[in-house]
Amino acid sequence: MIVNKEKWYKRQFGFKRDNLFLVDGDRIFKEFREFVRLMKTIRKEYIVDRKRIGFIKFIFEAHEGVAVVTTIDSQPGANTGRIRLAIAPGLSREAGMIISDLGKDFLFDEV
């Protein structure tokens, strides 16, 4: 059975083969490369109240997709800890609103 390659690619992958190009020997979609270029996360570091780090993580988990919280430094003797927020592209305004609301209740300063 002879299969038309263009029809096979379209049926298998939903696009024509000519939408592919080679970069470092790997096949990458043009659309995917553009998507990756636009989807750069914003990383910011903050000094926060050490006892509130878990609470901050839960707040950002409740707002799914806005940001991911990572603890950088939280020493037992200190009153403050350092966290990093990886803010999703296009959601920096929402993350800023959450940060400003949390900053009203306890220490939340950008480094």
PDB file of N, CA and C in Angstrom:
ATOM      1  N   MET A   1       0.840  -1.179   0.000  1.00  0.00           N
ATOM      2  CA  MET A   1       0.000   0.000   0.000  1.00  0.00           C
ATOM      3  C   MET A   1       0.887   1.245   0.000  1.00  0.00           C
ATOM      4  N   ILE A   2       0.675   2.121  -0.939  1.00  0.00           N
ATOM      5  CA  ILE A   2       1.444   3.359  -1.035  1.00  0.00           C
ATOM      6  C   ILE A   2       0.669   4.460  -0.322  1.00  0.00           C
ATOM      7  N   VAL A   3       1.366   5.160   0.579  1.00  0.00           N
ATOM      8  CA  VAL A   3       0.727   6.214   1.367  1.00  0.00           C
ATOM      9  C   VAL A   3       1.339   7.553   0.980  1.00  0.00           C
ATOM     10  N   ASN A   4       0.492   8.538   0.767  1.00  0.00           N
ATOM     11  CA  ASN A   4       0.954   9.894   0.502  1.00  0.00           C
ATOM     12  C   ASN A   4       1.535  10.456   1.806  1.00  0.00           C
ATOM     13  N   LYS A   5       2.817  10.816   1.799  1.00  0.00           N
ATOM     14  CA  LYS A   5       3.486  11.277   3.018  1.00  0.00           C
ATOM     15  C   LYS A   5       2.837  12.528   3.603  1.00  0.00           C
ATOM     16  N   GLU A   6       2.435  13.449   2.744  1.00  0.00           N
ATOM     17  CA  GLU A   6       1.821  14.684   3.240  1.00  0.00           C
ATOM     18  C   GLU A   6       0.514  14.377   3.972  1.00  0.00           C
ATOM     19  N   LYS A   7      -0.297  13.498   3.391  1.00  0.00           N
ATOM     20  CA  LYS A   7      -1.559  13.132   4.045  1.00  0.00           C
ATOM     21  C   LYS A   7      -1.290  12.378   5.338  1.00  0.00           C
ATOM     22  N   TRP A   8      -0.256  11.506   5.322  1.00  0.00           N
ATOM     23  CA  TRP A   8       0.078  10.755   6.527  1.00  0.00           C
ATOM     24  C   TRP A   8       0.504  11.684   7.660  1.00  0.00           C
ATOM     25  N   TYR A   9       1.388  12.676   7.378  1.00  0.00           N
ATOM     26  CA  TYR A   9       1.816  13.638   8.392  1.00  0.00           C
ATOM     27  C   TYR A   9       0.615  14.410   8.930  1.00  0.00           C
ATOM     28  N   LYS A  10      -0.246  14.848   8.020  1.00  0.00           N
ATOM     29  CA  LYS A  10      -1.406  15.633   8.455  1.00  0.00           C
ATOM     30  C   LYS A  10      -2.319  14.788   9.335  1.00  0.00           C
ATOM     31  N   ARG A  11      -2.534  13.532   8.962  1.00  0.00           N
ATOM     32  CA  ARG A  11      -3.398  12.660   9.742  1.00  0.00           C
ATOM     33  C   ARG A  11      -2.764  12.334  11.096  1.00  0.00           C
ATOM     34  N   GLN A  12      -1.472  12.089  11.128  1.00  0.00           N
ATOM     35  CA  GLN A  12      -0.781  11.703  12.355  1.00  0.00           C
ATOM     36  C   GLN A  12      -0.570  12.867  13.315  1.00  0.00           C
ATOM     37  N   PHE A  13      -0.164  14.012  12.764  1.00  0.00           N
ATOM     38  CA  PHE A  13       0.277  15.115  13.608  1.00  0.00           C
ATOM     39  C   PHE A  13      -0.577  16.372  13.491  1.00  0.00           C
ATOM     40  N   GLY A  14      -1.510  16.403  12.539  1.00  0.00           N
ATOM     41  CA  GLY A  14      -2.388  17.554  12.409  1.00  0.00           C
ATOM     42  C   GLY A  14      -1.754  18.738  11.708  1.00  0.00           C
ATOM     43  N   PHE A  15      -0.652  18.546  11.009  1.00  0.00           N
ATOM     44  CA  PHE A  15       0.002  19.630  10.284  1.00  0.00           C
ATOM     45  C   PHE A  15       0.718  19.048   9.077  1.00  0.00           C
ATOM     46  N   LYS A  16       1.073  19.914   8.175  1.00  0.00           N
ATOM     47  CA  LYS A  16       1.839  19.467   7.009  1.00  0.00           C
ATOM     48  C   LYS A  16       3.310  19.340   7.382  1.00  0.00           C
ATOM     49  N   ARG A  17       3.998  18.486   6.665  1.00  0.00           N
ATOM     50  CA  ARG A  17       5.414  18.255   6.941  1.00  0.00           C
ATOM     51  C   ARG A  17       6.249  19.502   6.697  1.00  0.00           C
ATOM     52  N   ASP A  18       5.843  20.376   5.788  1.00  0.00           N
ATOM     53  CA  ASP A  18       6.646  21.561   5.499  1.00  0.00           C
ATOM     54  C   ASP A  18       6.619  22.578   6.642  1.00  0.00           C
ATOM     55  N   ASN A  19       5.778  22.360   7.666  1.00  0.00           N
ATOM     56  CA  ASN A  19       5.796  23.230   8.841  1.00  0.00           C
ATOM     57  C   ASN A  19       6.909  22.862   9.806  1.00  0.00           C
ATOM     58  N   LEU A  20       7.657  21.813   9.479  1.00  0.00           N
ATOM     59  CA  LEU A  20       8.776  21.384  10.310  1.00  0.00           C
ATOM     60  C   LEU A  20      10.075  21.946   9.767  1.00  0.00           C
ATOM     61  N   PHE A  21      11.019  22.141  10.625  1.00  0.00           N
ATOM     62  CA  PHE A  21      12.356  22.476  10.178  1.00  0.00           C
ATOM     63  C   PHE A  21      13.348  21.864  11.149  1.00  0.00           C
ATOM     64  N   LEU A  22      14.600  21.755  10.748  1.00  0.00           N
ATOM     65  CA  LEU A  22      15.603  21.099  11.572  1.00  0.00           C
ATOM     66  C   LEU A  22      16.455  22.110  12.326  1.00  0.00           C
ATOM     67  N   VAL A  23      16.634  21.869  13.610  1.00  0.00           N
ATOM     68  CA  VAL A  23      17.524  22.669  14.439  1.00  0.00           C
ATOM     69  C   VAL A  23      18.315  21.676  15.281  1.00  0.00           C
ATOM     70  N   ASP A  24      19.627  21.686  15.128  1.00  0.00           N
ATOM     71  CA  ASP A  24      20.501  20.763  15.856  1.00  0.00           C
ATOM     72  C   ASP A  24      20.067  19.308  15.671  1.00  0.00           C
ATOM     73  N   GLY A  25      19.587  18.977  14.494  1.00  0.00           N
ATOM     74  CA  GLY A  25      19.223  17.601  14.214  1.00  0.00           C
ATOM     75  C   GLY A  25      17.865  17.178  14.733  1.00  0.00           C
ATOM     76  N   ASP A  26      17.188  18.021  15.506  1.00  0.00           N
ATOM     77  CA  ASP A  26      15.874  17.677  16.052  1.00  0.00           C
ATOM     78  C   ASP A  26      14.784  18.378  15.258  1.00  0.00           C
ATOM     79  N   ARG A  27      13.636  17.728  15.159  1.00  0.00           N
ATOM     80  CA  ARG A  27      12.487  18.366  14.507  1.00  0.00           C
ATOM     81  C   ARG A  27      11.755  19.218  15.530  1.00  0.00           C
ATOM     82  N   ILE A  28      11.537  20.456  15.171  1.00  0.00           N
ATOM     83  CA  ILE A  28      10.842  21.374  16.068  1.00  0.00           C
ATOM     84  C   ILE A  28       9.782  22.094  15.255  1.00  0.00           C
ATOM     85  N   PHE A  29       8.626  22.243  15.810  1.00  0.00           N
ATOM     86  CA  PHE A  29       7.570  22.982  15.132  1.00  0.00           C
ATOM     87  C   PHE A  29       7.882  24.470  15.181  1.00  0.00           C
ATOM     88  N   LYS A  30       7.604  25.173  14.092  1.00  0.00           N
ATOM     89  CA  LYS A  30       7.774  26.623  14.090  1.00  0.00           C
ATOM     90  C   LYS A  30       6.874  27.256  15.152  1.00  0.00           C
ATOM     91  N   GLU A  31       5.645  26.764  15.224  1.00  0.00           N
ATOM     92  CA  GLU A  31       4.703  27.315  16.200  1.00  0.00           C
ATOM     93  C   GLU A  31       5.178  27.086  17.629  1.00  0.00           C
ATOM     94  N   PHE A  32       5.745  25.904  17.892  1.00  0.00           N
ATOM     95  CA  PHE A  32       6.220  25.601  19.225  1.00  0.00           C
ATOM     96  C   PHE A  32       7.395  26.484  19.607  1.00  0.00           C
ATOM     97  N   ARG A  33       8.280  26.726  18.671  1.00  0.00           N
ATOM     98  CA  ARG A  33       9.425  27.595  18.942  1.00  0.00           C
ATOM     99  C   ARG A  33       8.958  29.005  19.271  1.00  0.00           C
ATOM    100  N   GLU A  34       7.977  29.504  18.544  1.00  0.00           N
ATOM    101  CA  GLU A  34       7.419  30.833  18.830  1.00  0.00           C
ATOM    102  C   GLU A  34       6.743  30.842  20.196  1.00  0.00           C
ATOM    103  N   PHE A  35       6.038  29.764  20.502  1.00  0.00           N
ATOM    104  CA  PHE A  35       5.386  29.634  21.805  1.00  0.00           C
ATOM    105  C   PHE A  35       6.408  29.690  22.936  1.00  0.00           C
ATOM    106  N   VAL A  36       7.496  28.965  22.781  1.00  0.00           N
ATOM    107  CA  VAL A  36       8.549  28.945  23.804  1.00  0.00           C
ATOM    108  C   VAL A  36       9.174  30.323  23.953  1.00  0.00           C
ATOM    109  N   ARG A  37       9.373  31.020  22.840  1.00  0.00           N
ATOM    110  CA  ARG A  37       9.957  32.359  22.892  1.00  0.00           C
ATOM    111  C   ARG A  37       9.067  33.307  23.699  1.00  0.00           C
ATOM    112  N   LEU A  38       7.769  33.178  23.540  1.00  0.00           N
ATOM    113  CA  LEU A  38       6.841  34.064  24.235  1.00  0.00           C
ATOM    114  C   LEU A  38       6.612  33.659  25.685  1.00  0.00           C
ATOM    115  N   MET A  39       6.860  32.412  26.012  1.00  0.00           N
ATOM    116  CA  MET A  39       6.499  31.890  27.320  1.00  0.00           C
ATOM    117  C   MET A  39       7.686  31.848  28.282  1.00  0.00           C
ATOM    118  N   LYS A  40       8.321  32.953  28.494  1.00  0.00           N
ATOM    119  CA  LYS A  40       9.427  33.038  29.446  1.00  0.00           C
ATOM    120  C   LYS A  40       8.872  33.427  30.820  1.00  0.00           C
ATOM    121  N   THR A  41       9.211  32.642  31.824  1.00  0.00           N
ATOM    122  CA  THR A  41       8.745  32.969  33.164  1.00  0.00           C
ATOM    123  C   THR A  41       9.564  34.131  33.735  1.00  0.00           C
ATOM    124  N   ILE A  42       8.937  34.860  34.622  1.00  0.00           N
ATOM    125  CA  ILE A  42       9.581  35.979  35.302  1.00  0.00           C
ATOM    126  C   ILE A  42       9.980  35.477  36.685  1.00  0.00           C
ATOM    127  N   ARG A  43      11.240  35.606  37.018  1.00  0.00           N
ATOM    128  CA  ARG A  43      11.718  35.142  38.319  1.00  0.00           C
ATOM    129  C   ARG A  43      12.069  36.337  39.194  1.00  0.00           C
ATOM    130  N   LYS A  44      11.488  36.356  40.394  1.00  0.00           N
ATOM    131  CA  LYS A  44      11.758  37.421  41.355  1.00  0.00           C
ATOM    132  C   LYS A  44      12.014  36.794  42.718  1.00  0.00           C
ATOM    133  N   GLU A  45      12.885  37.441  43.482  1.00  0.00           N
ATOM    134  CA  GLU A  45      13.206  36.948  44.820  1.00  0.00           C
ATOM    135  C   GLU A  45      12.685  37.929  45.864  1.00  0.00           C
ATOM    136  N   TYR A  46      12.232  37.371  46.992  1.00  0.00           N
ATOM    137  CA  TYR A  46      11.632  38.175  48.057  1.00  0.00           C
ATOM    138  C   TYR A  46      12.153  37.725  49.411  1.00  0.00           C
ATOM    139  N   ILE A  47      12.213  38.682  50.332  1.00  0.00           N
ATOM    140  CA  ILE A  47      12.467  38.405  51.743  1.00  0.00           C
ATOM    141  C   ILE A  47      11.098  38.402  52.413  1.00  0.00           C
ATOM    142  N   VAL A  48      10.794  37.304  53.117  1.00  0.00           N
ATOM    143  CA  VAL A  48       9.482  37.176  53.759  1.00  0.00           C
ATOM    144  C   VAL A  48       9.646  36.685  55.188  1.00  0.00           C
ATOM    145  N   ASP A  49       8.566  36.792  55.938  1.00  0.00           N
ATOM    146  CA  ASP A  49       8.527  36.248  57.288  1.00  0.00           C
ATOM    147  C   ASP A  49       8.676  34.725  57.187  1.00  0.00           C
ATOM    148  N   ARG A  50       9.654  34.171  57.862  1.00  0.00           N
ATOM    149  CA  ARG A  50       9.977  32.752  57.735  1.00  0.00           C
ATOM    150  C   ARG A  50       8.803  31.849  58.096  1.00  0.00           C
ATOM    151  N   LYS A  51       8.028  32.259  59.073  1.00  0.00           N
ATOM    152  CA  LYS A  51       6.892  31.440  59.519  1.00  0.00           C
ATOM    153  C   LYS A  51       5.750  31.435  58.504  1.00  0.00           C
ATOM    154  N   ARG A  52       5.782  32.346  57.555  1.00  0.00           N
ATOM    155  CA  ARG A  52       4.702  32.463  56.566  1.00  0.00           C
ATOM    156  C   ARG A  52       5.029  31.834  55.205  1.00  0.00           C
ATOM    157  N   ILE A  53       6.191  31.206  55.062  1.00  0.00           N
ATOM    158  CA  ILE A  53       6.585  30.651  53.762  1.00  0.00           C
ATOM    159  C   ILE A  53       5.597  29.572  53.301  1.00  0.00           C
ATOM    160  N   GLY A  54       5.200  28.683  54.182  1.00  0.00           N
ATOM    161  CA  GLY A  54       4.230  27.649  53.831  1.00  0.00           C
ATOM    162  C   GLY A  54       2.899  28.244  53.412  1.00  0.00           C
ATOM    163  N   PHE A  55       2.467  29.274  54.135  1.00  0.00           N
ATOM    164  CA  PHE A  55       1.217  29.955  53.810  1.00  0.00           C
ATOM    165  C   PHE A  55       1.286  30.586  52.421  1.00  0.00           C
ATOM    166  N   ILE A  56       2.424  31.215  52.117  1.00  0.00           N
ATOM    167  CA  ILE A  56       2.610  31.847  50.800  1.00  0.00           C
ATOM    168  C   ILE A  56       2.544  30.791  49.702  1.00  0.00           C
ATOM    169  N   LYS A  57       3.183  29.641  49.926  1.00  0.00           N
ATOM    170  CA  LYS A  57       3.132  28.562  48.932  1.00  0.00           C
ATOM    171  C   LYS A  57       1.696  28.107  48.694  1.00  0.00           C
ATOM    172  N   PHE A  58       0.932  27.946  49.773  1.00  0.00           N
ATOM    173  CA  PHE A  58      -0.457  27.513  49.630  1.00  0.00           C
ATOM    174  C   PHE A  58      -1.307  28.545  48.899  1.00  0.00           C
ATOM    175  N   ILE A  59      -1.057  29.814  49.152  1.00  0.00           N
ATOM    176  CA  ILE A  59      -1.817  30.870  48.474  1.00  0.00           C
ATOM    177  C   ILE A  59      -1.560  30.816  46.968  1.00  0.00           C
ATOM    178  N   PHE A  60      -0.306  30.689  46.576  1.00  0.00           N
ATOM    179  CA  PHE A  60      -0.007  30.644  45.140  1.00  0.00           C
ATOM    180  C   PHE A  60      -0.441  29.320  44.504  1.00  0.00           C
ATOM    181  N   GLU A  61      -0.473  28.236  45.272  1.00  0.00           N
ATOM    182  CA  GLU A  61      -1.012  26.985  44.742  1.00  0.00           C
ATOM    183  C   GLU A  61      -2.519  27.094  44.529  1.00  0.00           C
ATOM    184  N   ALA A  62      -3.193  27.830  45.401  1.00  0.00           N
ATOM    185  CA  ALA A  62      -4.639  28.028  45.253  1.00  0.00           C
ATOM    186  C   ALA A  62      -4.963  28.843  44.000  1.00  0.00           C
ATOM    187  N   HIS A  63      -4.081  29.764  43.642  1.00  0.00           N
ATOM    188  CA  HIS A  63      -4.226  30.539  42.403  1.00  0.00           C
ATOM    189  C   HIS A  63      -3.443  29.800  41.318  1.00  0.00           C
ATOM    190  N   GLU A  64      -3.998  28.703  40.844  1.00  0.00           N
ATOM    191  CA  GLU A  64      -3.299  27.807  39.926  1.00  0.00           C
ATOM    192  C   GLU A  64      -2.731  28.521  38.712  1.00  0.00           C
ATOM    193  N   GLY A  65      -1.464  28.264  38.451  1.00  0.00           N
ATOM    194  CA  GLY A  65      -0.836  28.756  37.239  1.00  0.00           C
ATOM    195  C   GLY A  65      -0.277  30.162  37.309  1.00  0.00           C
ATOM    196  N   VAL A  66      -0.485  30.870  38.411  1.00  0.00           N
ATOM    197  CA  VAL A  66       0.017  32.241  38.501  1.00  0.00           C
ATOM    198  C   VAL A  66       1.517  32.240  38.760  1.00  0.00           C
ATOM    199  N   ALA A  67       1.963  31.490  39.757  1.00  0.00           N
ATOM    200  CA  ALA A  67       3.386  31.462  40.094  1.00  0.00           C
ATOM    201  C   ALA A  67       3.716  30.204  40.882  1.00  0.00           C
ATOM    202  N   VAL A  68       4.989  29.842  40.840  1.00  0.00           N
ATOM    203  CA  VAL A  68       5.504  28.729  41.633  1.00  0.00           C
ATOM    204  C   VAL A  68       6.474  29.314  42.650  1.00  0.00           C
ATOM    205  N   VAL A  69       6.296  28.923  43.911  1.00  0.00           N
ATOM    206  CA  VAL A  69       7.129  29.444  45.001  1.00  0.00           C
ATOM    207  C   VAL A  69       8.191  28.410  45.345  1.00  0.00           C
ATOM    208  N   THR A  70       9.445  28.869  45.436  1.00  0.00           N
ATOM    209  CA  THR A  70      10.565  28.024  45.837  1.00  0.00           C
ATOM    210  C   THR A  70      11.276  28.678  47.002  1.00  0.00           C
ATOM    211  N   THR A  71      11.526  27.914  48.053  1.00  0.00           N
ATOM    212  CA  THR A  71      12.271  28.435  49.202  1.00  0.00           C
ATOM    213  C   THR A  71      13.753  28.393  48.876  1.00  0.00           C
ATOM    214  N   ILE A  72      14.416  29.540  49.003  1.00  0.00           N
ATOM    215  CA  ILE A  72      15.848  29.614  48.734  1.00  0.00           C
ATOM    216  C   ILE A  72      16.631  29.465  50.032  1.00  0.00           C
ATOM    217  N   ASP A  73      16.213  30.221  51.047  1.00  0.00           N
ATOM    218  CA  ASP A  73      16.946  30.228  52.315  1.00  0.00           C
ATOM    219  C   ASP A  73      15.962  30.450  53.454  1.00  0.00           C
ATOM    220  N   SER A  74      15.945  29.526  54.389  1.00  0.00           N
ATOM    221  CA  SER A  74      15.097  29.658  55.570  1.00  0.00           C
ATOM    222  C   SER A  74      15.835  29.051  56.749  1.00  0.00           C
ATOM    223  N   GLN A  75      16.683  29.842  57.377  1.00  0.00           N
ATOM    224  CA  GLN A  75      17.492  29.338  58.484  1.00  0.00           C
ATOM    225  C   GLN A  75      16.673  29.358  59.769  1.00  0.00           C
ATOM    226  N   PRO A  76      16.783  28.311  60.572  1.00  0.00           N
ATOM    227  CA  PRO A  76      15.968  28.178  61.782  1.00  0.00           C
ATOM    228  C   PRO A  76      16.075  29.343  62.768  1.00  0.00           C
ATOM    229  N   GLY A  77      17.244  29.944  62.911  1.00  0.00           N
ATOM    230  CA  GLY A  77      17.416  31.012  63.885  1.00  0.00           C
ATOM    231  C   GLY A  77      16.926  32.375  63.405  1.00  0.00           C
ATOM    232  N   ALA A  78      16.746  32.531  62.138  1.00  0.00           N
ATOM    233  CA  ALA A  78      16.386  33.831  61.570  1.00  0.00           C
ATOM    234  C   ALA A  78      14.867  34.011  61.554  1.00  0.00           C
ATOM    235  N   ASN A  79      14.448  35.272  61.557  1.00  0.00           N
ATOM    236  CA  ASN A  79      13.025  35.581  61.478  1.00  0.00           C
ATOM    237  C   ASN A  79      12.545  35.713  60.042  1.00  0.00           C
ATOM    238  N   THR A  80      13.484  35.816  59.109  1.00  0.00           N
ATOM    239  CA  THR A  80      13.111  35.993  57.708  1.00  0.00           C
ATOM    240  C   THR A  80      13.626  34.838  56.861  1.00  0.00           C
ATOM    241  N   GLY A  81      12.985  34.650  55.744  1.00  0.00           N
ATOM    242  CA  GLY A  81      13.411  33.645  54.782  1.00  0.00           C
ATOM    243  C   GLY A  81      13.407  34.269  53.402  1.00  0.00           C
ATOM    244  N   ARG A  82      14.023  33.579  52.487  1.00  0.00           N
ATOM    245  CA  ARG A  82      14.127  34.097  51.127  1.00  0.00           C
ATOM    246  C   ARG A  82      13.426  33.117  50.184  1.00  0.00           C
ATOM    247  N   ILE A  83      12.533  33.634  49.348  1.00  0.00           N
ATOM    248  CA  ILE A  83      11.820  32.791  48.396  1.00  0.00           C
ATOM    249  C   ILE A  83      12.010  33.323  46.982  1.00  0.00           C
ATOM    250  N   ARG A  84      11.764  32.448  46.011  1.00  0.00           N
ATOM    251  CA  ARG A  84      11.804  32.852  44.600  1.00  0.00           C
ATOM    252  C   ARG A  84      10.442  32.535  44.003  1.00  0.00           C
ATOM    253  N   LEU A  85       9.885  33.505  43.298  1.00  0.00           N
ATOM    254  CA  LEU A  85       8.646  33.296  42.566  1.00  0.00           C
ATOM    255  C   LEU A  85       8.969  33.160  41.089  1.00  0.00           C
ATOM    256  N   ALA A  86       8.484  32.093  40.474  1.00  0.00           N
ATOM    257  CA  ALA A  86       8.559  31.933  39.020  1.00  0.00           C
ATOM    258  C   ALA A  86       7.167  32.258  38.503  1.00  0.00           C
ATOM    259  N   ILE A  87       7.009  33.483  38.021  1.00  0.00           N
ATOM    260  CA  ILE A  87       5.696  34.000  37.626  1.00  0.00           C
ATOM    261  C   ILE A  87       5.435  33.643  36.167  1.00  0.00           C
ATOM    262  N   ALA A  88       4.251  33.122  35.913  1.00  0.00           N
ATOM    263  CA  ALA A  88       3.874  32.708  34.563  1.00  0.00           C
ATOM    264  C   ALA A  88       3.758  33.927  33.650  1.00  0.00           C
ATOM    265  N   PRO A  89       4.094  33.749  32.378  1.00  0.00           N
ATOM    266  CA  PRO A  89       3.991  34.856  31.424  1.00  0.00           C
ATOM    267  C   PRO A  89       2.556  35.348  31.313  1.00  0.00           C
ATOM    268  N   GLY A  90       2.402  36.651  31.300  1.00  0.00           N
ATOM    269  CA  GLY A  90       1.088  37.239  31.168  1.00  0.00           C
ATOM    270  C   GLY A  90       0.313  37.334  32.468  1.00  0.00           C
ATOM    271  N   LEU A  91       0.853  36.795  33.547  1.00  0.00           N
ATOM    272  CA  LEU A  91       0.145  36.819  34.830  1.00  0.00           C
ATOM    273  C   LEU A  91       0.894  37.620  35.888  1.00  0.00           C
ATOM    274  N   SER A  92       1.799  38.476  35.466  1.00  0.00           N
ATOM    275  CA  SER A  92       2.573  39.257  36.430  1.00  0.00           C
ATOM    276  C   SER A  92       1.680  40.252  37.179  1.00  0.00           C
ATOM    277  N   ARG A  93       0.643  40.747  36.516  1.00  0.00           N
ATOM    278  CA  ARG A  93      -0.267  41.691  37.190  1.00  0.00           C
ATOM    279  C   ARG A  93      -1.021  40.978  38.323  1.00  0.00           C
ATOM    280  N   GLU A  94      -1.521  39.768  38.052  1.00  0.00           N
ATOM    281  CA  GLU A  94      -2.231  39.001  39.073  1.00  0.00           C
ATOM    282  C   GLU A  94      -1.299  38.642  40.224  1.00  0.00           C
ATOM    283  N   ALA A  95      -0.064  38.243  39.895  1.00  0.00           N
ATOM    284  CA  ALA A  95       0.914  37.920  40.938  1.00  0.00           C
ATOM    285  C   ALA A  95       1.215  39.156  41.774  1.00  0.00           C
ATOM    286  N   GLY A  96       1.343  40.296  41.128  1.00  0.00           N
ATOM    287  CA  GLY A  96       1.593  41.550  41.855  1.00  0.00           C
ATOM    288  C   GLY A  96       0.467  41.898  42.807  1.00  0.00           C
ATOM    289  N   MET A  97      -0.768  41.630  42.391  1.00  0.00           N
ATOM    290  CA  MET A  97      -1.914  41.896  43.272  1.00  0.00           C
ATOM    291  C   MET A  97      -1.886  40.985  44.495  1.00  0.00           C
ATOM    292  N   ILE A  98      -1.544  39.724  44.282  1.00  0.00           N
ATOM    293  CA  ILE A  98      -1.446  38.777  45.404  1.00  0.00           C
ATOM    294  C   ILE A  98      -0.326  39.199  46.345  1.00  0.00           C
ATOM    295  N   ILE A  99       0.817  39.572  45.785  1.00  0.00           N
ATOM    296  CA  ILE A  99       1.958  39.995  46.600  1.00  0.00           C
ATOM    297  C   ILE A  99       1.624  41.242  47.408  1.00  0.00           C
ATOM    298  N   SER A 100       0.968  42.202  46.781  1.00  0.00           N
ATOM    299  CA  SER A 100       0.628  43.431  47.516  1.00  0.00           C
ATOM    300  C   SER A 100      -0.376  43.148  48.634  1.00  0.00           C
ATOM    301  N   ASP A 101      -1.317  42.234  48.400  1.00  0.00           N
ATOM    302  CA  ASP A 101      -2.256  41.869  49.463  1.00  0.00           C
ATOM    303  C   ASP A 101      -1.556  41.161  50.612  1.00  0.00           C
ATOM    304  N   LEU A 102      -0.642  40.245  50.293  1.00  0.00           N
ATOM    305  CA  LEU A 102       0.102  39.549  51.342  1.00  0.00           C
ATOM    306  C   LEU A 102       1.034  40.508  52.078  1.00  0.00           C
ATOM    307  N   GLY A 103       1.582  41.486  51.361  1.00  0.00           N
ATOM    308  CA  GLY A 103       2.482  42.467  51.962  1.00  0.00           C
ATOM    309  C   GLY A 103       1.803  43.364  52.987  1.00  0.00           C
ATOM    310  N   LYS A 104       0.487  43.443  52.945  1.00  0.00           N
ATOM    311  CA  LYS A 104      -0.246  44.237  53.941  1.00  0.00           C
ATOM    312  C   LYS A 104      -0.245  43.563  55.305  1.00  0.00           C
ATOM    313  N   ASP A 105      -0.151  42.230  55.323  1.00  0.00           N
ATOM    314  CA  ASP A 105      -0.256  41.479  56.571  1.00  0.00           C
ATOM    315  C   ASP A 105       1.078  41.121  57.207  1.00  0.00           C
ATOM    316  N   PHE A 106       2.119  40.961  56.387  1.00  0.00           N
ATOM    317  CA  PHE A 106       3.427  40.590  56.931  1.00  0.00           C
ATOM    318  C   PHE A 106       4.514  40.986  55.949  1.00  0.00           C
ATOM    319  N   LEU A 107       5.771  40.794  56.364  1.00  0.00           N
ATOM    320  CA  LEU A 107       6.937  41.193  55.570  1.00  0.00           C
ATOM    321  C   LEU A 107       6.955  40.461  54.230  1.00  0.00           C
ATOM    322  N   PHE A 108       7.036  41.217  53.153  1.00  0.00           N
ATOM    323  CA  PHE A 108       7.106  40.648  51.791  1.00  0.00           C
ATOM    324  C   PHE A 108       7.826  41.658  50.931  1.00  0.00           C
ATOM    325  N   ASP A 109       9.172  41.697  51.011  1.00  0.00           N
ATOM    326  CA  ASP A 109       9.971  42.695  50.309  1.00  0.00           C
ATOM    327  C   ASP A 109      10.771  42.071  49.174  1.00  0.00           C
ATOM    328  N   GLU A 110      10.780  42.741  48.036  1.00  0.00           N
ATOM    329  CA  GLU A 110      11.547  42.257  46.891  1.00  0.00           C
ATOM    330  C   GLU A 110      13.040  42.508  47.116  1.00  0.00           C
ATOM    331  N   VAL A 111      13.848  41.546  46.710  1.00  0.00           N
ATOM    332  CA  VAL A 111      15.306  41.657  46.876  1.00  0.00           C
ATOM    333  C   VAL A 111      15.869  42.441  45.712  1.00  0.00           C
TER     334      VAL A 111
END
